[in-house]
C-alpha atoms as a PDB file:
ATOM      1  CA  MET A   1     -36.198  35.047 -30.425  1.00  0.00           C
ATOM      2  CA  ASN A   2     -32.883  34.796 -32.105  1.00  0.00           C
ATOM      3  CA  GLN A   3     -32.169  33.499 -35.847  1.00  0.00           C
ATOM      4  CA  ILE A   4     -29.281  31.255 -36.475  1.00  0.00           C
ATOM      5  CA  THR A   5     -27.838  32.696 -39.760  1.00  0.00           C
ATOM      6  CA  ALA A   6     -24.942  30.182 -40.351  1.00  0.00           C
ATOM      7  CA  ILE A   7     -23.484  27.007 -39.192  1.00  0.00           C
ATOM      8  CA  GLU A   8     -19.842  26.616 -40.400  1.00  0.00           C
ATOM      9  CA  PRO A   9     -17.376  23.731 -40.013  1.00  0.00           C
ATOM     10  CA  GLN A  10     -14.183  24.680 -38.075  1.00  0.00           C
ATOM     11  CA  LYS A  11     -10.996  24.518 -39.823  1.00  0.00           C
ATOM     12  CA  SER A  12      -9.061  22.640 -37.125  1.00  0.00           C
ATOM     13  CA  THR A  13     -11.437  19.742 -36.683  1.00  0.00           C
ATOM     14  CA  ASP A  14     -14.189  18.184 -38.624  1.00  0.00           C
ATOM     15  CA  THR A  15     -16.222  17.169 -35.499  1.00  0.00           C
ATOM     16  CA  ARG A  16     -17.231  20.772 -34.474  1.00  0.00           C
ATOM     17  CA  VAL A  17     -18.967  23.722 -36.127  1.00  0.00           C
ATOM     18  CA  ASN A  18     -19.218  27.500 -35.477  1.00  0.00           C
ATOM     19  CA  VAL A  19     -22.829  28.872 -34.964  1.00  0.00           C
ATOM     20  CA  TYR A  20     -23.585  32.323 -35.971  1.00  0.00           C
ATOM     21  CA  ILE A  21     -26.738  34.185 -34.642  1.00  0.00           C
ATOM     22  CA  ASP A  22     -27.836  37.391 -36.281  1.00  0.00           C
ATOM     23  CA  GLN A  23     -24.776  37.457 -38.643  1.00  0.00           C
ATOM     24  CA  LYS A  24     -22.476  37.295 -35.425  1.00  0.00           C
ATOM     25  CA  TYR A  25     -20.414  34.559 -34.079  1.00  0.00           C
ATOM     26  CA  ALA A  26     -22.292  33.016 -30.960  1.00  0.00           C
ATOM     27  CA  PHE A  27     -20.573  29.692 -29.949  1.00  0.00           C
ATOM     28  CA  SER A  28     -18.783  26.570 -31.102  1.00  0.00           C
ATOM     29  CA  CYS A  29     -20.575  23.102 -30.913  1.00  0.00           C
ATOM     30  CA  HIS A  30     -20.115  19.468 -31.705  1.00  0.00           C
ATOM     31  CA  LYS A  31     -21.988  18.338 -34.852  1.00  0.00           C
ATOM     32  CA  GLU A  32     -23.811  15.585 -32.991  1.00  0.00           C
ATOM     33  CA  VAL A  33     -25.415  18.092 -30.783  1.00  0.00           C
ATOM     34  CA  ILE A  34     -26.469  20.126 -33.814  1.00  0.00           C
ATOM     35  CA  ILE A  35     -28.066  16.954 -35.257  1.00  0.00           C
ATOM     36  CA  LYS A  36     -29.612  16.010 -31.892  1.00  0.00           C
ATOM     37  CA  PHE A  37     -31.296  19.354 -31.424  1.00  0.00           C
ATOM     38  CA  HIS A  38     -32.293  19.597 -35.142  1.00  0.00           C
ATOM     39  CA  ILE A  39     -30.799  22.855 -35.599  1.00  0.00           C
ATOM     40  CA  HIS A  40     -30.589  24.356 -39.229  1.00  0.00           C
ATOM     41  CA  THR A  41     -29.729  27.855 -40.520  1.00  0.00           C
ATOM     42  CA  GLY A  42     -32.621  30.075 -40.471  1.00  0.00           C
ATOM     43  CA  ASP A  43     -34.185  28.591 -37.328  1.00  0.00           C
ATOM     44  CA  GLN A  44     -35.496  30.696 -34.782  1.00  0.00           C
ATOM     45  CA  VAL A  45     -34.241  29.994 -31.099  1.00  0.00           C
ATOM     46  CA  ASP A  46     -35.033  31.276 -27.900  1.00  0.00           C
ATOM     47  CA  SER A  47     -32.605  31.650 -24.928  1.00  0.00           C
ATOM     48  CA  VAL A  48     -33.635  28.476 -23.137  1.00  0.00           C
ATOM     49  CA  ARG A  49     -33.056  26.426 -26.100  1.00  0.00           C
ATOM     50  CA  LEU A  50     -29.577  27.914 -26.589  1.00  0.00           C
ATOM     51  CA  SER A  51     -28.826  27.141 -23.185  1.00  0.00           C
ATOM     52  CA  GLN A  52     -29.787  23.609 -23.757  1.00  0.00           C
ATOM     53  CA  ILE A  53     -27.636  23.307 -26.773  1.00  0.00           C
ATOM     54  CA  ILE A  54     -24.622  24.785 -24.906  1.00  0.00           C
ATOM     55  CA  LYS A  55     -25.062  22.680 -21.871  1.00  0.00           C
ATOM     56  CA  GLU A  56     -25.278  19.588 -24.054  1.00  0.00           C
ATOM     57  CA  ASP A  57     -22.112  20.541 -25.838  1.00  0.00           C
ATOM     58  CA  GLU A  58     -20.276  21.013 -22.454  1.00  0.00           C
ATOM     59  CA  ILE A  59     -21.501  17.561 -21.161  1.00  0.00           C
ATOM     60  CA  LYS A  60     -20.061  15.988 -24.431  1.00  0.00           C
ATOM     61  CA  LYS A  61     -16.935  17.824 -24.119  1.00  0.00           C
ATOM     62  CA  GLY A  62     -16.580  16.803 -20.328  1.00  0.00           C
ATOM     63  CA  PHE A  63     -17.587  13.274 -21.394  1.00  0.00           C
ATOM     64  CA  GLN A  64     -14.708  13.050 -23.936  1.00  0.00           C
ATOM     65  CA  LYS A  65     -12.261  14.572 -21.680  1.00  0.00           C
ATOM     66  CA  ALA A  66     -13.110  11.999 -19.016  1.00  0.00           C
ATOM     67  CA  LEU A  67     -12.748   9.097 -21.373  1.00  0.00           C
ATOM     68  CA  THR A  68      -9.322  10.292 -22.296  1.00  0.00           C
ATOM     69  CA  TYR A  69      -8.411  10.554 -18.738  1.00  0.00           C
ATOM     70  CA  LEU A  70      -9.873   7.021 -18.192  1.00  0.00           C
ATOM     71  CA  SER A  71      -8.011   5.585 -21.168  1.00  0.00           C
ATOM     72  CA  TYR A  72      -4.533   5.503 -19.146  1.00  0.00           C
ATOM     73  CA  ARG A  73      -6.185   3.481 -16.178  1.00  0.00           C
ATOM     74  CA  SER A  74      -9.325   2.958 -14.343  1.00  0.00           C
ATOM     75  CA  ARG A  75     -10.347   5.793 -11.931  1.00  0.00           C
ATOM     76  CA  THR A  76     -12.940   6.232  -9.215  1.00  0.00           C
ATOM     77  CA  LYS A  77     -15.860   8.678  -9.446  1.00  0.00           C
ATOM     78  CA  GLN A  78     -14.308  11.048  -7.203  1.00  0.00           C
ATOM     79  CA  GLU A  79     -11.016  11.087  -9.211  1.00  0.00           C
ATOM     80  CA  VAL A  80     -12.990  11.842 -12.400  1.00  0.00           C
ATOM     81  CA  TYR A  81     -14.913  14.557 -10.511  1.00  0.00           C
ATOM     82  CA  ASP A  82     -11.623  16.046  -9.298  1.00  0.00           C
ATOM     83  CA  TYR A  83     -10.155  15.947 -12.755  1.00  0.00           C
ATOM     84  CA  LEU A  84     -13.059  17.724 -14.490  1.00  0.00           C
ATOM     85  CA  GLU A  85     -13.184  20.318 -11.628  1.00  0.00           C
ATOM     86  CA  LYS A  86      -9.574  21.250 -12.209  1.00  0.00           C
ATOM     87  CA  LYS A  87     -10.467  21.630 -16.003  1.00  0.00           C
ATOM     88  CA  GLU A  88     -13.049  24.169 -14.765  1.00  0.00           C
ATOM     89  CA  TYR A  89     -16.211  22.469 -15.512  1.00  0.00           C
ATOM     90  CA  ARG A  90     -19.215  23.303 -13.737  1.00  0.00           C
ATOM     91  CA  THR A  91     -20.556  21.016 -11.161  1.00  0.00           C
ATOM     92  CA  GLU A  92     -23.824  20.567 -12.813  1.00  0.00           C
ATOM     93  CA  ILE A  93     -21.981  19.367 -15.988  1.00  0.00           C
ATOM     94  CA  ILE A  94     -19.565  17.184 -13.902  1.00  0.00           C
ATOM     95  CA  GLN A  95     -22.430  15.508 -12.317  1.00  0.00           C
ATOM     96  CA  GLU A  96     -24.038  14.733 -15.870  1.00  0.00           C
ATOM     97  CA  VAL A  97     -20.781  13.364 -17.057  1.00  0.00           C
ATOM     98  CA  LEU A  98     -20.449  11.063 -14.116  1.00  0.00           C
ATOM     99  CA  ALA A  99     -23.988   9.985 -14.620  1.00  0.00           C
ATOM    100  CA  LYS A 100     -23.103   8.998 -18.223  1.00  0.00           C
ATOM    101  CA  LEU A 101     -19.933   7.355 -17.425  1.00  0.00           C
ATOM    102  CA  SER A 102     -21.572   5.097 -14.557  1.00  0.00           C
ATOM    103  CA  TYR A 103     -24.481   4.373 -17.168  1.00  0.00           C
ATOM    104  CA  TYR A 104     -21.990   2.956 -19.761  1.00  0.00           C
ATOM    105  CA  GLN A 105     -20.121   1.410 -16.990  1.00  0.00           C
ATOM    106  CA  TYR A 106     -16.705   3.376 -17.544  1.00  0.00           C
ATOM    107  CA  ILE A 107     -16.774   3.983 -13.970  1.00  0.00           C
ATOM    108  CA  ASP A 108     -17.575   1.658 -11.369  1.00  0.00           C
ATOM    109  CA  ASP A 109     -16.340   2.267  -7.796  1.00  0.00           C
ATOM    110  CA  GLN A 110     -17.161  -1.341  -6.389  1.00  0.00           C
ATOM    111  CA  GLN A 111     -15.314  -3.123  -9.265  1.00  0.00           C
ATOM    112  CA  PHE A 112     -12.487  -0.414  -8.955  1.00  0.00           C
ATOM    113  CA  ALA A 113     -12.149  -1.346  -5.273  1.00  0.00           C
ATOM    114  CA  ILE A 114     -12.142  -4.875  -5.989  1.00  0.00           C
ATOM    115  CA  ASP A 115      -9.425  -4.688  -8.659  1.00  0.00           C
ATOM    116  CA  PHE A 116      -7.434  -2.274  -6.637  1.00  0.00           C
ATOM    117  CA  THR A 117      -7.534  -4.410  -3.517  1.00  0.00           C
ATOM    118  CA  LYS A 118      -6.237  -7.564  -5.444  1.00  0.00           C
ATOM    119  CA  SER A 119      -3.495  -5.508  -7.304  1.00  0.00           C
ATOM    120  CA  LYS A 120      -2.078  -3.860  -4.124  1.00  0.00           C
ATOM    121  CA  ILE A 121      -2.197  -6.959  -1.813  1.00  0.00           C
ATOM    122  CA  ASN A 122      -1.168  -9.836  -4.206  1.00  0.00           C
ATOM    123  CA  TYR A 123       1.291  -8.078  -6.448  1.00  0.00           C
ATOM    124  CA  GLN A 124       2.621  -5.056  -4.297  1.00  0.00           C
ATOM    125  CA  GLY A 125       2.608  -6.786  -0.939  1.00  0.00           C
ATOM    126  CA  LYS A 126       0.437  -4.291   0.805  1.00  0.00           C
ATOM    127  CA  GLY A 127      -1.644  -5.040   3.740  1.00  0.00           C
ATOM    128  CA  LYS A 128      -5.487  -4.297   4.024  1.00  0.00           C
ATOM    129  CA  SER A 129      -5.044  -1.291   6.337  1.00  0.00           C
ATOM    130  CA  LEU A 130      -3.049   0.537   3.821  1.00  0.00           C
ATOM    131  CA  VAL A 131      -5.219  -0.513   1.074  1.00  0.00           C
ATOM    132  CA  LYS A 132      -8.256   0.708   2.929  1.00  0.00           C
ATOM    133  CA  GLN A 133      -6.550   4.292   3.362  1.00  0.00           C
ATOM    134  CA  ASP A 134      -5.571   4.356  -0.279  1.00  0.00           C
ATOM    135  CA  LEU A 135      -9.295   3.705  -1.316  1.00  0.00           C
ATOM    136  CA  MET A 136     -10.462   6.186   1.058  1.00  0.00           C
ATOM    137  CA  LYS A 137      -8.263   8.850  -0.279  1.00  0.00           C
ATOM    138  CA  LYS A 138      -9.778   8.046  -3.690  1.00  0.00           C
ATOM    139  CA  GLY A 139     -13.444   8.840  -2.429  1.00  0.00           C
ATOM    140  CA  VAL A 140     -14.411   5.063  -2.565  1.00  0.00           C
ATOM    141  CA  LYS A 141     -17.214   4.550  -0.075  1.00  0.00           C
ATOM    142  CA  ASN A 142     -16.685   2.376   2.994  1.00  0.00           C
ATOM    143  CA  GLU A 143     -19.184  -0.188   2.023  1.00  0.00           C
ATOM    144  CA  HIS A 144     -17.374  -0.709  -1.305  1.00  0.00           C
ATOM    145  CA  ILE A 145     -14.079  -0.948   0.543  1.00  0.00           C
ATOM    146  CA  GLU A 146     -15.166  -3.411   2.969  1.00  0.00           C
ATOM    147  CA  GLN A 147     -16.745  -5.747   0.160  1.00  0.00           C
ATOM    148  CA  ALA A 148     -13.332  -5.596  -1.784  1.00  0.00           C
ATOM    149  CA  LEU A 149     -11.323  -6.294   1.273  1.00  0.00           C
ATOM    150  CA  GLU A 150     -13.588  -9.443   1.852  1.00  0.00           C
ATOM    151  CA  THR A 151     -12.278 -10.814  -1.402  1.00  0.00           C
ATOM    152  CA  ILE A 152      -8.843 -11.440  -0.091  1.00  0.00           C
ATOM    153  CA  PRO A 153      -8.979 -14.270   2.645  1.00  0.00           C
ATOM    154  CA  LEU A 154      -6.974 -13.483   5.690  1.00  0.00           C
ATOM    155  CA  GLU A 155      -4.839 -16.802   5.227  1.00  0.00           C
ATOM    156  CA  ASP A 156      -3.699 -15.185   1.795  1.00  0.00           C
ATOM    157  CA  GLU A 157      -2.680 -11.912   3.506  1.00  0.00           C
ATOM    158  CA  ILE A 158      -0.778 -13.861   6.183  1.00  0.00           C
ATOM    159  CA  LEU A 159       1.162 -15.782   3.602  1.00  0.00           C
ATOM    160  CA  ILE A 160       2.042 -12.639   1.707  1.00  0.00           C
ATOM    161  CA  ALA A 161       3.154 -11.019   4.937  1.00  0.00           C
ATOM    162  CA  LYS A 162       5.410 -14.113   5.993  1.00  0.00           C
ATOM    163  CA  ASN A 163       6.800 -14.093   2.257  1.00  0.00           C
ATOM    164  CA  LEU A 164       7.894 -10.541   2.679  1.00  0.00           C
ATOM    165  CA  SER A 165       9.326 -11.338   6.200  1.00  0.00           C
ATOM    166  CA  LYS A 166      11.539 -14.014   4.828  1.00  0.00           C
ATOM    167  CA  LYS A 167      12.837 -11.949   1.986  1.00  0.00           C
ATOM    168  CA  PHE A 168      13.402  -8.968   4.686  1.00  0.00           C
ATOM    169  CA  PHE A 169      15.269 -11.432   7.007  1.00  0.00           C
ATOM    170  CA  LEU A 170      17.470 -12.758   4.096  1.00  0.00           C
ATOM    171  CA  ALA A 171      18.425  -9.112   3.169  1.00  0.00           C
ATOM    172  CA  LYS A 172      19.076  -7.989   6.809  1.00  0.00           C
ATOM    173  CA  SER A 173      20.366 -11.314   8.270  1.00  0.00           C
ATOM    174  CA  ASN A 174      23.673  -9.554   9.426  1.00  0.00           C
ATOM    175  CA  LEU A 175      21.696  -7.583  12.138  1.00  0.00           C
ATOM    176  CA  PRO A 176      20.925  -8.872  15.581  1.00  0.00           C
ATOM    177  CA  ILE A 177      17.696 -10.912  15.439  1.00  0.00           C
ATOM    178  CA  LYS A 178      16.050  -8.560  17.791  1.00  0.00           C
ATOM    179  CA  GLU A 179      16.945  -5.412  15.835  1.00  0.00           C
ATOM    180  CA  LEU A 180      15.852  -7.120  12.639  1.00  0.00           C
ATOM    181  CA  LYS A 181      12.647  -8.095  14.209  1.00  0.00           C
ATOM    182  CA  ASN A 182      11.993  -4.552  15.338  1.00  0.00           C
ATOM    183  CA  LYS A 183      12.723  -3.309  11.811  1.00  0.00           C
ATOM    184  CA  LEU A 184      10.537  -5.952  10.479  1.00  0.00           C
ATOM    185  CA  SER A 185       7.839  -4.988  12.548  1.00  0.00           C
ATOM    186  CA  ALA A 186       8.218  -1.439  11.459  1.00  0.00           C
ATOM    187  CA  ARG A 187       8.270  -2.342   7.880  1.00  0.00           C
ATOM    188  CA  LEU A 188       5.138  -4.675   7.827  1.00  0.00           C
ATOM    189  CA  SER A 189       3.274  -1.781   9.904  1.00  0.00           C
ATOM    190  CA  SER A 190       4.343   0.713   7.226  1.00  0.00           C
ATOM    191  CA  LYS A 191       2.828  -1.615   4.512  1.00  0.00           C
ATOM    192  CA  GLY A 192      -0.577  -1.811   6.268  1.00  0.00           C
ATOM    193  CA  PHE A 193      -0.519  -5.291   7.970  1.00  0.00           C
ATOM    194  CA  SER A 194      -2.199  -5.557  11.161  1.00  0.00           C
ATOM    195  CA  TRP A 195      -0.143  -6.339  14.760  1.00  0.00           C
ATOM    196  CA  GLU A 196      -1.808  -9.775  14.712  1.00  0.00           C
ATOM    197  CA  ILE A 197      -0.305 -10.583  11.404  1.00  0.00           C
ATOM    198  CA  ILE A 198       3.069  -9.154  12.218  1.00  0.00           C
ATOM    199  CA  HIS A 199       3.154 -11.148  15.404  1.00  0.00           C
ATOM    200  CA  GLN A 200       2.509 -14.259  13.344  1.00  0.00           C
ATOM    201  CA  CYS A 201       5.409 -13.136  11.171  1.00  0.00           C
ATOM    202  CA  GLN A 202       7.669 -12.874  14.451  1.00  0.00           C
ATOM    203  CA  ASN A 203       6.661 -16.423  15.145  1.00  0.00           C
ATOM    204  CA  PHE A 204       7.277 -17.612  11.791  1.00  0.00           C
ATOM    205  CA  LEU A 205      10.816 -16.512  11.719  1.00  0.00           C
ATOM    206  CA  ASP A 206      11.244 -18.211  15.088  1.00  0.00           C
ATOM    207  CA  HIS A 207      10.321 -21.645  13.660  1.00  0.00           C
ATOM    208  CA  ASP A 208      11.408 -21.382  10.205  1.00  0.00           C
ATOM    209  CA  THR A 209      14.167 -24.010   9.569  1.00  0.00           C
ATOM    210  CA  GLU A 210      16.079 -21.998   7.064  1.00  0.00           C
ATOM    211  CA  VAL A 211      16.035 -18.675   8.983  1.00  0.00           C
ATOM    212  CA  GLN A 212      17.039 -20.558  12.368  1.00  0.00           C
ATOM    213  CA  SER A 213      19.864 -22.307  10.303  1.00  0.00           C
ATOM    214  CA  ILE A 214      21.266 -18.751   9.208  1.00  0.00           C
ATOM    215  CA  ILE A 215      20.981 -17.439  12.526  1.00  0.00           C
ATOM    216  CA  PHE A 216      23.257 -20.129  13.872  1.00  0.00           C
ATOM    217  CA  SER A 217      25.539 -19.950  11.081  1.00  0.00           C
ATOM    218  CA  LYS A 218      25.966 -16.006  11.841  1.00  0.00           C
ATOM    219  CA  SER A 219      26.525 -16.590  15.583  1.00  0.00           C
ATOM    220  CA  ASP A 220      30.310 -15.853  15.289  1.00  0.00           C
ATOM    221  CA  ILE A 221      29.426 -12.525  13.202  1.00  0.00           C
ATOM    222  CA  TYR A 222      26.884 -11.407  15.987  1.00  0.00           C
ATOM    223  CA  GLU A 223      29.393 -12.083  18.631  1.00  0.00           C
ATOM    224  CA  THR A 224      32.120 -10.275  16.948  1.00  0.00           C
ATOM    225  CA  GLU A 225      29.906  -7.176  16.519  1.00  0.00           C
ATOM    226  CA  ALA A 226      28.478  -7.255  20.004  1.00  0.00           C
ATOM    227  CA  LEU A 227      32.193  -7.482  21.378  1.00  0.00           C
ATOM    228  CA  LYS A 228      33.133  -4.572  19.292  1.00  0.00           C
ATOM    229  CA  ILE A 229      30.296  -2.535  20.572  1.00  0.00           C
ATOM    230  CA  GLY A 230      30.903  -3.618  24.046  1.00  0.00           C
ATOM    231  CA  GLU A 231      34.579  -2.477  23.967  1.00  0.00           C
ATOM    232  CA  LYS A 232      33.646   1.015  22.614  1.00  0.00           C
ATOM    233  CA  VAL A 233      31.179   1.608  25.523  1.00  0.00           C
ATOM    234  CA  LEU A 234      33.762   0.199  28.023  1.00  0.00           C
ATOM    235  CA  GLN A 235      36.393   2.473  26.780  1.00  0.00           C
ATOM    236  CA  LYS A 236      34.021   5.446  26.985  1.00  0.00           C
ATOM    237  CA  HIS A 237      32.950   4.782  30.404  1.00  0.00           C
ATOM    238  CA  GLN A 238      35.762   3.046  32.240  1.00  0.00           C
ATOM    239  CA  SER A 239      37.443   6.078  33.582  1.00  0.00           C
ATOM    240  CA  LYS A 240      34.060   7.475  34.811  1.00  0.00           C
ATOM    241  CA  VAL A 241      32.637   4.536  36.506  1.00  0.00           C
ATOM    242  CA  ASP A 242      34.306   3.143  39.540  1.00  0.00           C
ATOM    243  CA  ASN A 243      32.861  -0.302  39.667  1.00  0.00           C
ATOM    244  CA  ASN A 244      32.167  -3.313  37.468  1.00  0.00           C
ATOM    245  CA  TYR A 245      28.484  -3.677  38.300  1.00  0.00           C
ATOM    246  CA  GLN A 246      27.641  -0.251  36.783  1.00  0.00           C
ATOM    247  CA  LEU A 247      29.737  -0.926  33.891  1.00  0.00           C
ATOM    248  CA  LYS A 248      27.916  -4.026  33.179  1.00  0.00           C
ATOM    249  CA  GLN A 249      24.635  -2.324  33.532  1.00  0.00           C
ATOM    250  CA  ILE A 250      25.844   0.337  30.920  1.00  0.00           C
ATOM    251  CA  ILE A 251      27.192  -2.213  28.496  1.00  0.00           C
ATOM    252  CA  SER A 252      24.282  -4.452  28.713  1.00  0.00           C
ATOM    253  CA  SER A 253      21.845  -1.691  28.155  1.00  0.00           C
ATOM    254  CA  LYS A 254      23.750  -0.570  24.915  1.00  0.00           C
ATOM    255  CA  LEU A 255      23.827  -4.179  23.614  1.00  0.00           C
ATOM    256  CA  TYR A 256      20.231  -4.748  24.495  1.00  0.00           C
ATOM    257  CA  GLN A 257      19.301  -1.542  22.500  1.00  0.00           C
ATOM    258  CA  LYS A 258      21.115  -2.849  19.596  1.00  0.00           C
ATOM    259  CA  GLY A 259      19.006  -5.865  19.543  1.00  0.00           C
ATOM    260  CA  PHE A 260      21.384  -8.692  20.894  1.00  0.00           C
ATOM    261  CA  GLU A 261      20.004 -11.593  22.871  1.00  0.00           C
ATOM    262  CA  LYS A 262      20.456 -11.769  26.590  1.00  0.00           C
ATOM    263  CA  ASP A 263      22.558 -14.864  26.501  1.00  0.00           C
ATOM    264  CA  LEU A 264      25.055 -13.255  24.192  1.00  0.00           C
ATOM    265  CA  ILE A 265      25.075  -9.980  26.376  1.00  0.00           C
ATOM    266  CA  SER A 266      25.980 -11.910  29.504  1.00  0.00           C
ATOM    267  CA  GLN A 267      28.730 -13.544  27.604  1.00  0.00           C
ATOM    268  CA  ILE A 268      30.126 -10.308  26.335  1.00  0.00           C
ATOM    269  CA  THR A 269      29.985  -8.598  29.754  1.00  0.00           C
ATOM    270  CA  ARG A 270      31.778 -11.572  31.314  1.00  0.00           C
ATOM    271  CA  GLN A 271      34.408 -11.444  28.716  1.00  0.00           C
ATOM    272  CA  LEU A 272      35.048  -7.600  29.042  1.00  0.00           C
ATOM    273  CA  LEU A 273      34.713  -7.346  32.811  1.00  0.00           C
ATOM    274  CA  ASP A 274      35.647 -10.731  34.458  1.00  0.00           C
END
């Protein structure tokens, strides 16, 4: 048995005390832990009870550390676990802290997944696929992820993707429409939208009155750009190719790669070679 010979308040904080056993400093501890275990100067304590006191204090410190971490924004259980592990808390202590946080509803992976999904899709314009990946990285269980994704109707996700598509078109409208669509597909895919939704966005651009009006108004710009590219290709290959058919194929291939429509490509090749 060991005797507690002194319990002295720390100078740096009024919430913790230093505990002395047999006239020697043994450990520091939160005042509330001392009260919980009914520890007083002169008490006899064995090694088991000392371990319980120290463990309880570690849990309390970990809990407070986690609350500070959570004060900046909500987190998943895995994020809090990883944070405390980096702070060198033992696994046993972390598990106790997580249980306490869950009990008081400071962490709730299901609610986190729902809030995260709504924020990423409705306000950041991300697709469900990317949101799912992000939640998996945060350690959220698949069942929670699927339930969260179901809170966003497919129609809402499609509408968000269409709005993004139109903004993208307006920003890139000087590009040939085919090239623009290719870049749009890559953009929507990188944001986590499915190919089914991307296909609907492509069709949306084909039938949107404003989009088609802009495309029509820029036909001269597309033609000028296509002609410029065609002339460069012709100048590069004219001395190497001995017939117009081959030149036509080379020019057409280059313009097609650049995203120009077939009718315009035929117009440019006739203008350059006929």
